[in-house]
Amino acid sequence: MKLTTLDELNDQIWGPIGSPERDKMETQLKEDLNAYLLGETIKKARQAQNLTQEELGERVGVQKSQISKLENGKSVITLPTISKLFQALGVKTAALDLGALGRVTLW
């Protein structure tokens, strides 16, 4: 029996590290993870305030289904939507950390 390592399997399926296919997959994976983590943050903040998805949607001006998609990481979220969501949840200020480029105040 020949055992295959996870790295070998990834190379077989997605191509070697640095290939266009592998880079595309890794970029998509990072985007999906970020969407999931942001969605979890929105959900926890909403639940901490005992709000339903419908109530948060009304505060933001979107349908319940849009809140659900955002919380589940199934929808692309724009900065204006992030701003509306977190302001509706009572977040007074927010900044975007751009690493070496510094921080940008969003609101």
PDB file of N, CA and C in Angstrom:
ATOM      1  N   MET A   1       0.841  -1.171   0.000  1.00  0.00           N
ATOM      2  CA  MET A   1       0.000   0.000   0.000  1.00  0.00           C
ATOM      3  C   MET A   1       0.893   1.245   0.000  1.00  0.00           C
ATOM      4  N   LYS A   2       0.564   2.207  -0.886  1.00  0.00           N
ATOM      5  CA  LYS A   2       1.317   3.458  -0.949  1.00  0.00           C
ATOM      6  C   LYS A   2       0.501   4.559  -0.278  1.00  0.00           C
ATOM      7  N   LEU A   3       1.100   5.205   0.687  1.00  0.00           N
ATOM      8  CA  LEU A   3       0.446   6.321   1.357  1.00  0.00           C
ATOM      9  C   LEU A   3       0.783   7.618   0.635  1.00  0.00           C
ATOM     10  N   THR A   4      -0.197   8.473   0.540  1.00  0.00           N
ATOM     11  CA  THR A   4      -0.021   9.775  -0.097  1.00  0.00           C
ATOM     12  C   THR A   4      -0.179  10.849   0.962  1.00  0.00           C
ATOM     13  N   THR A   5       0.770  11.784   1.026  1.00  0.00           N
ATOM     14  CA  THR A   5       0.670  12.862   2.001  1.00  0.00           C
ATOM     15  C   THR A   5      -0.366  13.883   1.533  1.00  0.00           C
ATOM     16  N   LEU A   6      -0.816  14.705   2.453  1.00  0.00           N
ATOM     17  CA  LEU A   6      -1.776  15.754   2.115  1.00  0.00           C
ATOM     18  C   LEU A   6      -1.157  16.729   1.119  1.00  0.00           C
ATOM     19  N   ASP A   7       0.111  17.057   1.289  1.00  0.00           N
ATOM     20  CA  ASP A   7       0.776  17.966   0.355  1.00  0.00           C
ATOM     21  C   ASP A   7       0.809  17.380  -1.058  1.00  0.00           C
ATOM     22  N   GLU A   8       1.080  16.099  -1.160  1.00  0.00           N
ATOM     23  CA  GLU A   8       1.099  15.449  -2.470  1.00  0.00           C
ATOM     24  C   GLU A   8      -0.294  15.447  -3.102  1.00  0.00           C
ATOM     25  N   LEU A   9      -1.284  15.187  -2.282  1.00  0.00           N
ATOM     26  CA  LEU A   9      -2.659  15.169  -2.769  1.00  0.00           C
ATOM     27  C   LEU A   9      -3.085  16.562  -3.246  1.00  0.00           C
ATOM     28  N   ASN A  10      -2.749  17.586  -2.465  1.00  0.00           N
ATOM     29  CA  ASN A  10      -3.055  18.961  -2.876  1.00  0.00           C
ATOM     30  C   ASN A  10      -2.378  19.296  -4.199  1.00  0.00           C
ATOM     31  N   ASP A  11      -1.123  18.881  -4.343  1.00  0.00           N
ATOM     32  CA  ASP A  11      -0.405  19.130  -5.601  1.00  0.00           C
ATOM     33  C   ASP A  11      -1.091  18.435  -6.769  1.00  0.00           C
ATOM     34  N   GLN A  12      -1.569  17.221  -6.557  1.00  0.00           N
ATOM     35  CA  GLN A  12      -2.242  16.479  -7.615  1.00  0.00           C
ATOM     36  C   GLN A  12      -3.554  17.145  -8.016  1.00  0.00           C
ATOM     37  N   ILE A  13      -4.308  17.614  -7.033  1.00  0.00           N
ATOM     38  CA  ILE A  13      -5.632  18.176  -7.299  1.00  0.00           C
ATOM     39  C   ILE A  13      -5.549  19.631  -7.769  1.00  0.00           C
ATOM     40  N   TRP A  14      -4.767  20.454  -7.065  1.00  0.00           N
ATOM     41  CA  TRP A  14      -4.749  21.891  -7.310  1.00  0.00           C
ATOM     42  C   TRP A  14      -3.505  22.377  -8.039  1.00  0.00           C
ATOM     43  N   GLY A  15      -2.543  21.509  -8.257  1.00  0.00           N
ATOM     44  CA  GLY A  15      -1.295  21.916  -8.893  1.00  0.00           C
ATOM     45  C   GLY A  15      -0.277  22.303  -7.839  1.00  0.00           C
ATOM     46  N   PRO A  16       0.973  22.414  -8.236  1.00  0.00           N
ATOM     47  CA  PRO A  16       2.026  22.746  -7.271  1.00  0.00           C
ATOM     48  C   PRO A  16       1.886  24.175  -6.750  1.00  0.00           C
ATOM     49  N   ILE A  17       2.482  24.431  -5.602  1.00  0.00           N
ATOM     50  CA  ILE A  17       2.465  25.769  -5.012  1.00  0.00           C
ATOM     51  C   ILE A  17       3.053  26.752  -6.018  1.00  0.00           C
ATOM     52  N   GLY A  18       2.380  27.865  -6.209  1.00  0.00           N
ATOM     53  CA  GLY A  18       2.823  28.886  -7.144  1.00  0.00           C
ATOM     54  C   GLY A  18       2.196  28.784  -8.518  1.00  0.00           C
ATOM     55  N   SER A  19       1.487  27.693  -8.782  1.00  0.00           N
ATOM     56  CA  SER A  19       0.827  27.572 -10.085  1.00  0.00           C
ATOM     57  C   SER A  19      -0.453  28.414 -10.080  1.00  0.00           C
ATOM     58  N   PRO A  20      -0.910  28.853 -11.242  1.00  0.00           N
ATOM     59  CA  PRO A  20      -2.130  29.672 -11.296  1.00  0.00           C
ATOM     60  C   PRO A  20      -3.342  28.985 -10.663  1.00  0.00           C
ATOM     61  N   GLU A  21      -3.486  27.681 -10.890  1.00  0.00           N
ATOM     62  CA  GLU A  21      -4.632  26.954 -10.329  1.00  0.00           C
ATOM     63  C   GLU A  21      -4.570  26.943  -8.797  1.00  0.00           C
ATOM     64  N   ARG A  22      -3.387  26.687  -8.265  1.00  0.00           N
ATOM     65  CA  ARG A  22      -3.217  26.629  -6.806  1.00  0.00           C
ATOM     66  C   ARG A  22      -3.424  28.009  -6.198  1.00  0.00           C
ATOM     67  N   ASP A  23      -2.860  29.039  -6.830  1.00  0.00           N
ATOM     68  CA  ASP A  23      -3.033  30.404  -6.320  1.00  0.00           C
ATOM     69  C   ASP A  23      -4.501  30.799  -6.305  1.00  0.00           C
ATOM     70  N   LYS A  24      -5.225  30.441  -7.360  1.00  0.00           N
ATOM     71  CA  LYS A  24      -6.655  30.762  -7.438  1.00  0.00           C
ATOM     72  C   LYS A  24      -7.417  30.067  -6.311  1.00  0.00           C
ATOM     73  N   MET A  25      -7.127  28.784  -6.101  1.00  0.00           N
ATOM     74  CA  MET A  25      -7.797  28.028  -5.041  1.00  0.00           C
ATOM     75  C   MET A  25      -7.499  28.624  -3.675  1.00  0.00           C
ATOM     76  N   GLU A  26      -6.238  28.962  -3.420  1.00  0.00           N
ATOM     77  CA  GLU A  26      -5.860  29.505  -2.115  1.00  0.00           C
ATOM     78  C   GLU A  26      -6.480  30.877  -1.880  1.00  0.00           C
ATOM     79  N   THR A  27      -6.549  31.688  -2.922  1.00  0.00           N
ATOM     80  CA  THR A  27      -7.201  32.997  -2.812  1.00  0.00           C
ATOM     81  C   THR A  27      -8.677  32.833  -2.484  1.00  0.00           C
ATOM     82  N   GLN A  28      -9.352  31.918  -3.178  1.00  0.00           N
ATOM     83  CA  GLN A  28     -10.777  31.671  -2.928  1.00  0.00           C
ATOM     84  C   GLN A  28     -10.995  31.158  -1.514  1.00  0.00           C
ATOM     85  N   LEU A  29     -10.123  30.291  -1.061  1.00  0.00           N
ATOM     86  CA  LEU A  29     -10.224  29.742   0.290  1.00  0.00           C
ATOM     87  C   LEU A  29     -10.097  30.847   1.338  1.00  0.00           C
ATOM     88  N   LYS A  30      -9.151  31.763   1.141  1.00  0.00           N
ATOM     89  CA  LYS A  30      -8.981  32.887   2.071  1.00  0.00           C
ATOM     90  C   LYS A  30     -10.217  33.783   2.070  1.00  0.00           C
ATOM     91  N   GLU A  31     -10.763  34.050   0.885  1.00  0.00           N
ATOM     92  CA  GLU A  31     -11.964  34.888   0.793  1.00  0.00           C
ATOM     93  C   GLU A  31     -13.144  34.226   1.497  1.00  0.00           C
ATOM     94  N   ASP A  32     -13.300  32.934   1.287  1.00  0.00           N
ATOM     95  CA  ASP A  32     -14.393  32.194   1.935  1.00  0.00           C
ATOM     96  C   ASP A  32     -14.235  32.200   3.456  1.00  0.00           C
ATOM     97  N   LEU A  33     -13.010  32.020   3.931  1.00  0.00           N
ATOM     98  CA  LEU A  33     -12.760  32.025   5.373  1.00  0.00           C
ATOM     99  C   LEU A  33     -13.057  33.398   5.959  1.00  0.00           C
ATOM    100  N   ASN A  34     -12.619  34.457   5.286  1.00  0.00           N
ATOM    101  CA  ASN A  34     -12.890  35.811   5.778  1.00  0.00           C
ATOM    102  C   ASN A  34     -14.391  36.102   5.813  1.00  0.00           C
ATOM    103  N   ALA A  35     -15.117  35.669   4.790  1.00  0.00           N
ATOM    104  CA  ALA A  35     -16.574  35.866   4.756  1.00  0.00           C
ATOM    105  C   ALA A  35     -17.226  35.117   5.906  1.00  0.00           C
ATOM    106  N   TYR A  36     -16.759  33.901   6.176  1.00  0.00           N
ATOM    107  CA  TYR A  36     -17.301  33.112   7.283  1.00  0.00           C
ATOM    108  C   TYR A  36     -17.034  33.810   8.623  1.00  0.00           C
ATOM    109  N   LEU A  37     -15.799  34.259   8.839  1.00  0.00           N
ATOM    110  CA  LEU A  37     -15.445  34.894  10.110  1.00  0.00           C
ATOM    111  C   LEU A  37     -16.210  36.197  10.324  1.00  0.00           C
ATOM    112  N   LEU A  38     -16.370  36.987   9.270  1.00  0.00           N
ATOM    113  CA  LEU A  38     -17.141  38.221   9.383  1.00  0.00           C
ATOM    114  C   LEU A  38     -18.604  37.899   9.665  1.00  0.00           C
ATOM    115  N   GLY A  39     -19.129  36.882   8.994  1.00  0.00           N
ATOM    116  CA  GLY A  39     -20.514  36.469   9.236  1.00  0.00           C
ATOM    117  C   GLY A  39     -20.742  36.013  10.664  1.00  0.00           C
ATOM    118  N   GLU A  40     -19.790  35.264  11.202  1.00  0.00           N
ATOM    119  CA  GLU A  40     -19.894  34.820  12.598  1.00  0.00           C
ATOM    120  C   GLU A  40     -19.885  36.007  13.556  1.00  0.00           C
ATOM    121  N   THR A  41     -19.078  37.017  13.255  1.00  0.00           N
ATOM    122  CA  THR A  41     -19.019  38.219  14.087  1.00  0.00           C
ATOM    123  C   THR A  41     -20.352  38.951  14.064  1.00  0.00           C
ATOM    124  N   ILE A  42     -20.930  39.086  12.891  1.00  0.00           N
ATOM    125  CA  ILE A  42     -22.238  39.739  12.760  1.00  0.00           C
ATOM    126  C   ILE A  42     -23.289  38.963  13.550  1.00  0.00           C
ATOM    127  N   LYS A  43     -23.292  37.657  13.391  1.00  0.00           N
ATOM    128  CA  LYS A  43     -24.275  36.808  14.075  1.00  0.00           C
ATOM    129  C   LYS A  43     -24.149  36.911  15.589  1.00  0.00           C
ATOM    130  N   LYS A  44     -22.925  36.842  16.104  1.00  0.00           N
ATOM    131  CA  LYS A  44     -22.716  36.929  17.555  1.00  0.00           C
ATOM    132  C   LYS A  44     -23.154  38.289  18.098  1.00  0.00           C
ATOM    133  N   ALA A  45     -22.834  39.358  17.363  1.00  0.00           N
ATOM    134  CA  ALA A  45     -23.229  40.696  17.805  1.00  0.00           C
ATOM    135  C   ALA A  45     -24.749  40.842  17.801  1.00  0.00           C
ATOM    136  N   ARG A  46     -25.387  40.298  16.774  1.00  0.00           N
ATOM    137  CA  ARG A  46     -26.860  40.358  16.675  1.00  0.00           C
ATOM    138  C   ARG A  46     -27.496  39.579  17.818  1.00  0.00           C
ATOM    139  N   GLN A  47     -27.004  38.370  18.052  1.00  0.00           N
ATOM    140  CA  GLN A  47     -27.567  37.527  19.109  1.00  0.00           C
ATOM    141  C   GLN A  47     -27.327  38.118  20.494  1.00  0.00           C
ATOM    142  N   ALA A  48     -26.188  38.777  20.687  1.00  0.00           N
ATOM    143  CA  ALA A  48     -25.897  39.399  21.977  1.00  0.00           C
ATOM    144  C   ALA A  48     -26.913  40.489  22.307  1.00  0.00           C
ATOM    145  N   GLN A  49     -27.513  41.060  21.274  1.00  0.00           N
ATOM    146  CA  GLN A  49     -28.521  42.099  21.474  1.00  0.00           C
ATOM    147  C   GLN A  49     -29.942  41.551  21.368  1.00  0.00           C
ATOM    148  N   ASN A  50     -30.055  40.225  21.298  1.00  0.00           N
ATOM    149  CA  ASN A  50     -31.355  39.561  21.193  1.00  0.00           C
ATOM    150  C   ASN A  50     -32.183  40.079  20.015  1.00  0.00           C
ATOM    151  N   LEU A  51     -31.491  40.305  18.895  1.00  0.00           N
ATOM    152  CA  LEU A  51     -32.170  40.739  17.680  1.00  0.00           C
ATOM    153  C   LEU A  51     -32.378  39.546  16.756  1.00  0.00           C
ATOM    154  N   THR A  52     -33.492  39.550  16.052  1.00  0.00           N
ATOM    155  CA  THR A  52     -33.694  38.551  15.004  1.00  0.00           C
ATOM    156  C   THR A  52     -33.009  39.067  13.736  1.00  0.00           C
ATOM    157  N   GLN A  53     -32.848  38.187  12.790  1.00  0.00           N
ATOM    158  CA  GLN A  53     -32.297  38.612  11.500  1.00  0.00           C
ATOM    159  C   GLN A  53     -33.221  39.638  10.860  1.00  0.00           C
ATOM    160  N   GLU A  54     -34.492  39.451  11.014  1.00  0.00           N
ATOM    161  CA  GLU A  54     -35.466  40.389  10.446  1.00  0.00           C
ATOM    162  C   GLU A  54     -35.319  41.772  11.084  1.00  0.00           C
ATOM    163  N   GLU A  55     -35.177  41.826  12.398  1.00  0.00           N
ATOM    164  CA  GLU A  55     -35.028  43.113  13.081  1.00  0.00           C
ATOM    165  C   GLU A  55     -33.747  43.825  12.650  1.00  0.00           C
ATOM    166  N   LEU A  56     -32.646  43.084  12.549  1.00  0.00           N
ATOM    167  CA  LEU A  56     -31.398  43.701  12.089  1.00  0.00           C
ATOM    168  C   LEU A  56     -31.550  44.166  10.645  1.00  0.00           C
ATOM    169  N   GLY A  57     -32.193  43.371   9.826  1.00  0.00           N
ATOM    170  CA  GLY A  57     -32.431  43.763   8.438  1.00  0.00           C
ATOM    171  C   GLY A  57     -33.206  45.059   8.338  1.00  0.00           C
ATOM    172  N   GLU A  58     -34.214  45.220   9.198  1.00  0.00           N
ATOM    173  CA  GLU A  58     -35.005  46.457   9.201  1.00  0.00           C
ATOM    174  C   GLU A  58     -34.131  47.650   9.573  1.00  0.00           C
ATOM    175  N   ARG A  59     -33.240  47.469  10.553  1.00  0.00           N
ATOM    176  CA  ARG A  59     -32.345  48.559  10.958  1.00  0.00           C
ATOM    177  C   ARG A  59     -31.392  48.965   9.835  1.00  0.00           C
ATOM    178  N   VAL A  60     -30.964  47.971   9.063  1.00  0.00           N
ATOM    179  CA  VAL A  60     -29.985  48.212   8.003  1.00  0.00           C
ATOM    180  C   VAL A  60     -30.655  48.606   6.693  1.00  0.00           C
ATOM    181  N   GLY A  61     -31.894  48.168   6.499  1.00  0.00           N
ATOM    182  CA  GLY A  61     -32.613  48.449   5.262  1.00  0.00           C
ATOM    183  C   GLY A  61     -32.465  47.349   4.230  1.00  0.00           C
ATOM    184  N   VAL A  62     -32.305  46.102   4.723  1.00  0.00           N
ATOM    185  CA  VAL A  62     -32.220  44.950   3.823  1.00  0.00           C
ATOM    186  C   VAL A  62     -33.171  43.863   4.315  1.00  0.00           C
ATOM    187  N   GLN A  63     -33.396  42.874   3.481  1.00  0.00           N
ATOM    188  CA  GLN A  63     -34.279  41.767   3.832  1.00  0.00           C
ATOM    189  C   GLN A  63     -33.579  40.803   4.799  1.00  0.00           C
ATOM    190  N   LYS A  64     -34.379  40.046   5.541  1.00  0.00           N
ATOM    191  CA  LYS A  64     -33.884  39.012   6.444  1.00  0.00           C
ATOM    192  C   LYS A  64     -32.976  38.038   5.707  1.00  0.00           C
ATOM    193  N   SER A  65     -33.334  37.695   4.475  1.00  0.00           N
ATOM    194  CA  SER A  65     -32.550  36.737   3.700  1.00  0.00           C
ATOM    195  C   SER A  65     -31.127  37.246   3.452  1.00  0.00           C
ATOM    196  N   GLN A  66     -30.975  38.563   3.288  1.00  0.00           N
ATOM    197  CA  GLN A  66     -29.640  39.129   3.084  1.00  0.00           C
ATOM    198  C   GLN A  66     -28.811  39.007   4.361  1.00  0.00           C
ATOM    199  N   ILE A  67     -29.417  39.245   5.511  1.00  0.00           N
ATOM    200  CA  ILE A  67     -28.707  39.085   6.789  1.00  0.00           C
ATOM    201  C   ILE A  67     -28.281  37.632   6.941  1.00  0.00           C
ATOM    202  N   SER A  68     -29.162  36.708   6.610  1.00  0.00           N
ATOM    203  CA  SER A  68     -28.843  35.289   6.694  1.00  0.00           C
ATOM    204  C   SER A  68     -27.648  34.938   5.804  1.00  0.00           C
ATOM    205  N   LYS A  69     -27.647  35.426   4.573  1.00  0.00           N
ATOM    206  CA  LYS A  69     -26.543  35.153   3.651  1.00  0.00           C
ATOM    207  C   LYS A  69     -25.236  35.723   4.185  1.00  0.00           C
ATOM    208  N   LEU A  70     -25.290  36.926   4.736  1.00  0.00           N
ATOM    209  CA  LEU A  70     -24.084  37.543   5.277  1.00  0.00           C
ATOM    210  C   LEU A  70     -23.559  36.756   6.472  1.00  0.00           C
ATOM    211  N   GLU A  71     -24.458  36.364   7.369  1.00  0.00           N
ATOM    212  CA  GLU A  71     -24.046  35.608   8.550  1.00  0.00           C
ATOM    213  C   GLU A  71     -23.462  34.250   8.193  1.00  0.00           C
ATOM    214  N   ASN A  72     -23.907  33.688   7.094  1.00  0.00           N
ATOM    215  CA  ASN A  72     -23.425  32.370   6.674  1.00  0.00           C
ATOM    216  C   ASN A  72     -22.258  32.457   5.688  1.00  0.00           C
ATOM    217  N   GLY A  73     -21.760  33.667   5.447  1.00  0.00           N
ATOM    218  CA  GLY A  73     -20.633  33.838   4.542  1.00  0.00           C
ATOM    219  C   GLY A  73     -20.956  33.519   3.104  1.00  0.00           C
ATOM    220  N   LYS A  74     -22.224  33.640   2.729  1.00  0.00           N
ATOM    221  CA  LYS A  74     -22.668  33.262   1.376  1.00  0.00           C
ATOM    222  C   LYS A  74     -22.915  34.461   0.484  1.00  0.00           C
ATOM    223  N   SER A  75     -22.523  35.643   0.929  1.00  0.00           N
ATOM    224  CA  SER A  75     -22.768  36.841   0.141  1.00  0.00           C
ATOM    225  C   SER A  75     -21.555  37.759   0.240  1.00  0.00           C
ATOM    226  N   VAL A  76     -21.249  38.422  -0.843  1.00  0.00           N
ATOM    227  CA  VAL A  76     -20.169  39.403  -0.840  1.00  0.00           C
ATOM    228  C   VAL A  76     -20.676  40.635  -0.095  1.00  0.00           C
ATOM    229  N   ILE A  77     -19.860  41.138   0.817  1.00  0.00           N
ATOM    230  CA  ILE A  77     -20.265  42.300   1.597  1.00  0.00           C
ATOM    231  C   ILE A  77     -19.381  43.484   1.238  1.00  0.00           C
ATOM    232  N   THR A  78     -20.009  44.619   1.020  1.00  0.00           N
ATOM    233  CA  THR A  78     -19.280  45.831   0.665  1.00  0.00           C
ATOM    234  C   THR A  78     -18.999  46.654   1.920  1.00  0.00           C
ATOM    235  N   LEU A  79     -18.062  47.587   1.817  1.00  0.00           N
ATOM    236  CA  LEU A  79     -17.765  48.452   2.962  1.00  0.00           C
ATOM    237  C   LEU A  79     -18.978  49.267   3.398  1.00  0.00           C
ATOM    238  N   PRO A  80     -19.778  49.820   2.476  1.00  0.00           N
ATOM    239  CA  PRO A  80     -20.973  50.539   2.933  1.00  0.00           C
ATOM    240  C   PRO A  80     -21.938  49.634   3.718  1.00  0.00           C
ATOM    241  N   THR A  81     -22.065  48.382   3.304  1.00  0.00           N
ATOM    242  CA  THR A  81     -22.944  47.454   4.023  1.00  0.00           C
ATOM    243  C   THR A  81     -22.359  47.109   5.383  1.00  0.00           C
ATOM    244  N   ILE A  82     -21.058  46.891   5.444  1.00  0.00           N
ATOM    245  CA  ILE A  82     -20.401  46.629   6.734  1.00  0.00           C
ATOM    246  C   ILE A  82     -20.655  47.803   7.674  1.00  0.00           C
ATOM    247  N   SER A  83     -20.494  49.002   7.150  1.00  0.00           N
ATOM    248  CA  SER A  83     -20.711  50.205   7.952  1.00  0.00           C
ATOM    249  C   SER A  83     -22.138  50.262   8.490  1.00  0.00           C
ATOM    250  N   LYS A  84     -23.124  50.051   7.619  1.00  0.00           N
ATOM    251  CA  LYS A  84     -24.531  50.082   8.047  1.00  0.00           C
ATOM    252  C   LYS A  84     -24.816  49.010   9.100  1.00  0.00           C
ATOM    253  N   LEU A  85     -24.288  47.802   8.848  1.00  0.00           N
ATOM    254  CA  LEU A  85     -24.537  46.690   9.767  1.00  0.00           C
ATOM    255  C   LEU A  85     -24.002  46.970  11.162  1.00  0.00           C
ATOM    256  N   PHE A  86     -22.737  47.334  11.232  1.00  0.00           N
ATOM    257  CA  PHE A  86     -22.135  47.512  12.546  1.00  0.00           C
ATOM    258  C   PHE A  86     -22.621  48.768  13.249  1.00  0.00           C
ATOM    259  N   GLN A  87     -22.955  49.802  12.490  1.00  0.00           N
ATOM    260  CA  GLN A  87     -23.560  50.971  13.127  1.00  0.00           C
ATOM    261  C   GLN A  87     -24.940  50.614  13.673  1.00  0.00           C
ATOM    262  N   ALA A  88     -25.689  49.785  12.939  1.00  0.00           N
ATOM    263  CA  ALA A  88     -27.000  49.334  13.414  1.00  0.00           C
ATOM    264  C   ALA A  88     -26.857  48.478  14.674  1.00  0.00           C
ATOM    265  N   LEU A  89     -25.700  47.831  14.818  1.00  0.00           N
ATOM    266  CA  LEU A  89     -25.437  47.011  16.009  1.00  0.00           C
ATOM    267  C   LEU A  89     -24.806  47.826  17.135  1.00  0.00           C
ATOM    268  N   GLY A  90     -24.634  49.140  16.905  1.00  0.00           N
ATOM    269  CA  GLY A  90     -24.136  50.009  17.968  1.00  0.00           C
ATOM    270  C   GLY A  90     -22.633  50.151  18.046  1.00  0.00           C
ATOM    271  N   VAL A  91     -21.915  49.707  17.030  1.00  0.00           N
ATOM    272  CA  VAL A  91     -20.462  49.885  17.020  1.00  0.00           C
ATOM    273  C   VAL A  91     -20.189  51.342  16.664  1.00  0.00           C
ATOM    274  N   LYS A  92     -19.593  52.065  17.594  1.00  0.00           N
ATOM    275  CA  LYS A  92     -19.439  53.516  17.444  1.00  0.00           C
ATOM    276  C   LYS A  92     -18.346  53.905  16.450  1.00  0.00           C
ATOM    277  N   THR A  93     -17.238  53.191  16.439  1.00  0.00           N
ATOM    278  CA  THR A  93     -16.146  53.504  15.526  1.00  0.00           C
ATOM    279  C   THR A  93     -15.541  52.213  14.992  1.00  0.00           C
ATOM    280  N   ALA A  94     -14.914  52.329  13.826  1.00  0.00           N
ATOM    281  CA  ALA A  94     -14.225  51.185  13.242  1.00  0.00           C
ATOM    282  C   ALA A  94     -13.094  51.691  12.364  1.00  0.00           C
ATOM    283  N   ALA A  95     -12.040  50.889  12.273  1.00  0.00           N
ATOM    284  CA  ALA A  95     -10.901  51.232  11.434  1.00  0.00           C
ATOM    285  C   ALA A  95     -10.458  49.996  10.668  1.00  0.00           C
ATOM    286  N   LEU A  96      -9.892  50.231   9.519  1.00  0.00           N
ATOM    287  CA  LEU A  96      -9.363  49.160   8.677  1.00  0.00           C
ATOM    288  C   LEU A  96      -7.852  49.191   8.809  1.00  0.00           C
ATOM    289  N   ASP A  97      -7.265  48.077   9.233  1.00  0.00           N
ATOM    290  CA  ASP A  97      -5.822  47.981   9.403  1.00  0.00           C
ATOM    291  C   ASP A  97      -5.199  47.546   8.087  1.00  0.00           C
ATOM    292  N   LEU A  98      -4.386  48.417   7.512  1.00  0.00           N
ATOM    293  CA  LEU A  98      -3.745  48.141   6.236  1.00  0.00           C
ATOM    294  C   LEU A  98      -2.270  47.790   6.402  1.00  0.00           C
ATOM    295  N   GLY A  99      -1.911  47.303   7.569  1.00  0.00           N
ATOM    296  CA  GLY A  99      -0.532  46.899   7.821  1.00  0.00           C
ATOM    297  C   GLY A  99       0.421  48.071   7.732  1.00  0.00           C
ATOM    298  N   ALA A 100       1.435  47.940   6.895  1.00  0.00           N
ATOM    299  CA  ALA A 100       2.464  48.972   6.770  1.00  0.00           C
ATOM    300  C   ALA A 100       1.907  50.298   6.244  1.00  0.00           C
ATOM    301  N   LEU A 101       0.751  50.253   5.595  1.00  0.00           N
ATOM    302  CA  LEU A 101       0.152  51.481   5.065  1.00  0.00           C
ATOM    303  C   LEU A 101      -0.606  52.273   6.130  1.00  0.00           C
ATOM    304  N   GLY A 102      -0.819  51.668   7.291  1.00  0.00           N
ATOM    305  CA  GLY A 102      -1.502  52.360   8.378  1.00  0.00           C
ATOM    306  C   GLY A 102      -2.953  51.929   8.539  1.00  0.00           C
ATOM    307  N   ARG A 103      -3.681  52.734   9.303  1.00  0.00           N
ATOM    308  CA  ARG A 103      -5.081  52.442   9.584  1.00  0.00           C
ATOM    309  C   ARG A 103      -5.950  53.516   8.942  1.00  0.00           C
ATOM    310  N   VAL A 104      -7.115  53.096   8.475  1.00  0.00           N
ATOM    311  CA  VAL A 104      -8.078  54.020   7.881  1.00  0.00           C
ATOM    312  C   VAL A 104      -9.344  53.960   8.735  1.00  0.00           C
ATOM    313  N   THR A 105      -9.781  55.107   9.225  1.00  0.00           N
ATOM    314  CA  THR A 105     -11.023  55.169   9.985  1.00  0.00           C
ATOM    315  C   THR A 105     -12.198  55.030   9.032  1.00  0.00           C
ATOM    316  N   LEU A 106     -13.073  54.062   9.309  1.00  0.00           N
ATOM    317  CA  LEU A 106     -14.231  53.851   8.437  1.00  0.00           C
ATOM    318  C   LEU A 106     -15.409  54.708   8.867  1.00  0.00           C
ATOM    319  N   TRP A 107     -15.603  54.824  10.166  1.00  0.00           N
ATOM    320  CA  TRP A 107     -16.639  55.699  10.720  1.00  0.00           C
ATOM    321  C   TRP A 107     -16.324  55.993  12.153  1.00  0.00           C
TER     322      TRP A 107
END
